[in-house]
Amino acid sequence: MTAAADPALTTAGLPAPPAHAPRSVLATVHQAFLARAIYTVVELGVVDELAHGPRSCAELARVLGVTAEPLHQVVRGTASAGLLRSLGGTGSDEVFALTDTGEMLLPGHPSATRDLVLMMQGPTVLGCLEALPDRVRSGRTGPEVAHGRTWFENLRADAGLAASFDRMMVAIHGGEYGAVAAAYDLGWARTVVDVGGGTGGLTVALLEANAHLRGVVHDLPDVAARAERTLRRAGLAHRAEVSGGSFFDSVPRGADAYLLSYVLHDWTDDDCVRILRTVAAAMTTGARLLVVENVLPAGDDPHPGRTLDLLMATLTHGRERTEEEYRRLLARAGLRLRRVVPTASPVSVLEAVPGSDDQGA
């Protein structure tokens, strides 16, 4: 009997083979390899070397003390992301140059893209990402699982990490500062307190867009000191000051506008209410609270904030929220959401005032 005639070796009556994995899933999973390739060309110094001019992969391998063949594959893959371009050649003799986008990976570039890559793909965050299943199982954050302490404890313990984090925040949010300043009219206000304002990037953008405005950056003392340097470099020290302290305890009183930008998404609902109540206690008649955050659409519609929500789930006990979720948080703190102002960036400005929803506009 031939093999073809053996019923045990035929496909008749067997279930159909499984369908191929959807291309969208494959593409998403494969992005992890590209992200690691970008990290590798930064971490090994490839982009730094290419800043001096085009090089073949063989030349790069000799200078950097690495292996030419896998380097060529990594560099070729990175070129597919538009960071490098091929000038011709085959194998490890292929010559590559930096593109304008690739130059953003160089040290000191104002976009801070290098810090974004090294932080997000470096051991601190990558260890947290690898711990995501344990994060979900145990309820402990990725940093607690991977490093035995919270994300913010990590930053306080490592000055270099904190400095890189500050620069990374510029890479993530720097493009949003101008969009917020352009979208929300602060002509009615004279003073603004940026609560948890970090190194002061948003305060700088608002003061530059509103010549009449004075600002205060309120954050923990070590962070406030870094904000002071930012304000001084921007030439705004005469119109702004810093205040050191925790937003769980108190914030400066009597300002017209209070900002909470990229703060609430770091915290649980209960902690958010504590922060909001602290701010509400400092607000006087006519003051407004401006919450700058991603506002997720209801349902499963795509939004850039959904990826950031996964990052929050990994690193903190915080989350991105919908408009209704923000409305409820504000109400618990005695504040009323008055309107949501979209910007040209993914974030929106949620304007709130003291009171309850039944008080109307």
Foldseek 3Di string as FASTA:
>chain_A
DDLVPPPVNDCPPPDDDDDDDDPVVVVVVCVVVLLVLLLVCLVLCVLVVLVVHKDFLVVVCVVSVHDSQVNVVSVVSNVVVVQKDWPDDDGSRIIIHGDPNVVCLDPPRQLLVVLLSCVCVPPQNVQLVVCLVVCVVPVDASCCVRPVDAPVVVCVVDVVNVVSVLSNCCNVCVVVLLQQLVQDDPPVFAEEEEEQCFLCSNVLNNCVSPVRHAYEYEEAPVRQVNNCVVCVVSVNNVRYHYHHDHLLPADAADGQEYEHEPNQQQDDLVVLLSSLLRVQVRYDPNHKYKYKAQADDPDDDDAVQVVVQVSSSRRHSGGHYHPVSVQVSQVSSQKGFDDWTDTPDRIIITIIDGHHVVVPD
